[in-house]
């Protein structure tokens, strides 16, 4: 399971009832998502002109994580925000070509990894691992 956070997507009303649209905006770019306890990684190549937000839930049994960036941006921006199990922001930074840094201390449990893209084109590649 990818752990896509469907609660952030808008319900679509249909004549036969209501369905929740739960489709990752990155889907057209065939993202590779690895989401296991204590390790989350996302890579998508050939992303072009995307303005959207993707949110994933991730289990971190620790109170910190290391965030590793390896992203190539040719246009726009991609902002990575990580929230701990209490909802507090423990990491918030634009993705860059090369960076490895820790989050602040948070609460162990189900964390949220949110990627906000604005006119983004390029290759997304980042990893979060329990520290």
Protein backbone atom coordinates (compact mmCIF):
# COMPACT_ATOMS: atom_id res chain seq x y z
CA UNK A 1 0.00 0.00 0.00
CA UNK A 2 1.31 3.41 -0.91
CA UNK A 3 -0.25 5.16 2.04
CA UNK A 4 -1.81 7.91 -0.08
CA UNK A 5 -3.75 10.21 2.21
CA UNK A 6 -7.18 10.21 0.56
CA UNK A 7 -8.68 12.56 3.13
CA UNK A 8 -7.00 15.47 1.36
CA UNK A 9 -8.82 14.83 -1.91
CA UNK A 10 -12.15 16.37 -2.87
CA UNK A 11 -15.24 14.13 -2.93
CA UNK A 12 -16.86 13.82 -6.33
CA UNK A 13 -20.66 13.77 -6.42
CA UNK A 14 -22.10 11.27 -8.84
CA UNK A 15 -25.77 10.68 -9.70
CA UNK A 16 -25.61 7.29 -7.96
CA UNK A 17 -23.99 8.60 -4.76
CA UNK A 18 -20.73 10.12 -3.66
CA UNK A 19 -17.31 8.63 -4.31
CA UNK A 20 -14.03 9.93 -3.04
CA UNK A 21 -11.47 10.64 -5.74
CA UNK A 22 -8.26 9.18 -4.43
CA UNK A 23 -5.79 9.42 -7.25
CA UNK A 24 -2.24 10.57 -6.81
CA UNK A 25 -1.65 13.65 -9.01
CA UNK A 26 1.75 12.16 -9.83
CA UNK A 27 0.14 9.03 -11.36
CA UNK A 28 0.60 10.17 -15.00
CA UNK A 29 4.36 10.32 -14.33
CA UNK A 30 4.54 6.74 -13.01
CA UNK A 31 6.02 7.51 -9.58
CA UNK A 32 7.94 4.85 -7.70
CA UNK A 33 6.93 4.99 -4.06
CA UNK A 34 8.46 2.80 -1.39
CA UNK A 35 6.56 3.13 1.87
CA UNK A 36 7.50 0.73 4.64
CA UNK A 37 7.84 1.23 8.37
CA UNK A 38 10.73 3.60 9.08
CA UNK A 39 11.55 4.23 5.39
CA UNK A 40 9.72 6.30 2.76
CA UNK A 41 11.01 7.11 -0.74
CA UNK A 42 9.50 8.73 -3.82
CA UNK A 43 10.88 9.09 -7.32
CA UNK A 44 9.14 10.37 -10.46
CA UNK A 45 10.87 11.22 -13.73
CA UNK A 46 9.63 13.35 -16.60
CA UNK A 47 7.27 15.40 -14.46
CA UNK A 48 6.09 18.33 -16.54
CA UNK A 49 4.22 21.48 -15.51
CA UNK A 50 2.54 19.96 -12.45
CA UNK A 51 0.80 22.15 -9.87
CA UNK A 52 -0.67 19.84 -7.27
CA UNK A 53 -0.24 18.32 -3.82
CA UNK A 54 0.40 14.69 -2.96
CA UNK A 55 0.11 13.46 0.63
CA UNK A 56 1.16 10.10 2.00
CA UNK A 57 0.99 8.53 5.45
CA UNK A 58 4.15 6.87 6.70
CA UNK A 59 4.91 4.95 9.89
CA UNK A 60 7.99 6.18 11.73
CA UNK A 61 8.69 4.30 14.98
CA UNK A 62 11.29 6.93 15.90
CA UNK A 63 11.04 10.57 16.86
CA UNK A 64 13.28 11.90 14.06
CA UNK A 65 14.10 11.11 10.45
CA UNK A 66 16.82 11.88 7.96
CA UNK A 67 15.61 13.52 4.74
CA UNK A 68 17.74 12.93 1.65
CA UNK A 69 17.13 15.08 -1.44
CA UNK A 70 18.31 14.15 -4.94
CA UNK A 71 15.96 16.18 -7.14
CA UNK A 72 16.48 17.86 -10.50
CA UNK A 73 14.21 20.86 -11.10
CA UNK A 74 14.00 22.43 -14.55
CA UNK A 75 10.98 24.66 -13.78
CA UNK A 76 8.75 25.56 -10.85
CA UNK A 77 9.18 24.29 -7.32
CA UNK A 78 8.52 21.28 -5.10
CA UNK A 79 8.08 21.81 -1.36
CA UNK A 80 8.39 18.86 1.04
CA UNK A 81 6.60 19.08 4.38
CA UNK A 82 6.72 16.29 6.96
CA UNK A 83 4.39 16.20 9.97
CA UNK A 84 4.75 13.90 12.96
CA UNK A 85 2.00 11.78 14.53
CA UNK A 86 0.66 14.81 16.44
CA UNK A 87 0.43 16.88 13.24
CA UNK A 88 3.37 19.15 14.13
CA UNK A 89 5.64 20.17 11.24
CA UNK A 90 9.06 18.55 11.74
CA UNK A 91 10.44 19.36 8.27
CA UNK A 92 9.58 21.95 5.61
CA UNK A 93 11.95 22.73 2.73
CA UNK A 94 12.01 23.03 -1.06
CA UNK A 95 13.52 19.97 -2.73
CA UNK A 96 17.04 20.60 -4.01
CA UNK A 97 19.61 18.64 -6.06
CA UNK A 98 21.59 17.34 -3.09
CA UNK A 99 20.90 17.59 0.63
CA UNK A 100 20.86 15.23 3.60
CA UNK A 101 19.54 16.61 6.89
CA UNK A 102 17.49 15.57 9.92
CA UNK A 103 13.99 16.57 10.90
CA UNK A 104 13.34 18.18 14.24
CA UNK A 105 12.17 15.89 17.05
CA UNK A 106 8.56 14.76 16.80
CA UNK A 107 6.12 12.15 18.02
CA UNK A 108 6.52 8.56 16.80
CA UNK A 109 3.65 6.94 14.92
CA UNK A 110 1.87 7.78 11.68
CA UNK A 111 3.61 10.70 10.00
CA UNK A 112 2.42 12.63 6.93
CA UNK A 113 4.69 13.31 3.96
CA UNK A 114 3.31 16.12 1.78
CA UNK A 115 4.74 17.23 -1.54
CA UNK A 116 3.43 20.53 -2.97
CA UNK A 117 4.38 21.21 -6.57
CA UNK A 118 3.91 24.55 -8.32
CA UNK A 119 4.50 24.49 -12.08
CA UNK A 120 7.02 21.73 -11.38
CA UNK A 121 9.03 20.07 -14.15
CA UNK A 122 11.93 17.73 -13.59
CA UNK A 123 12.79 14.59 -11.64
CA UNK A 124 11.57 14.19 -8.08
CA UNK A 125 13.68 12.04 -5.80
CA UNK A 126 13.72 12.07 -2.00
CA UNK A 127 13.86 9.67 0.93
CA UNK A 128 12.88 9.84 4.61
CA UNK A 129 14.37 7.31 7.03
CA UNK A 130 14.06 6.84 10.76
CA UNK A 131 17.01 8.42 12.52
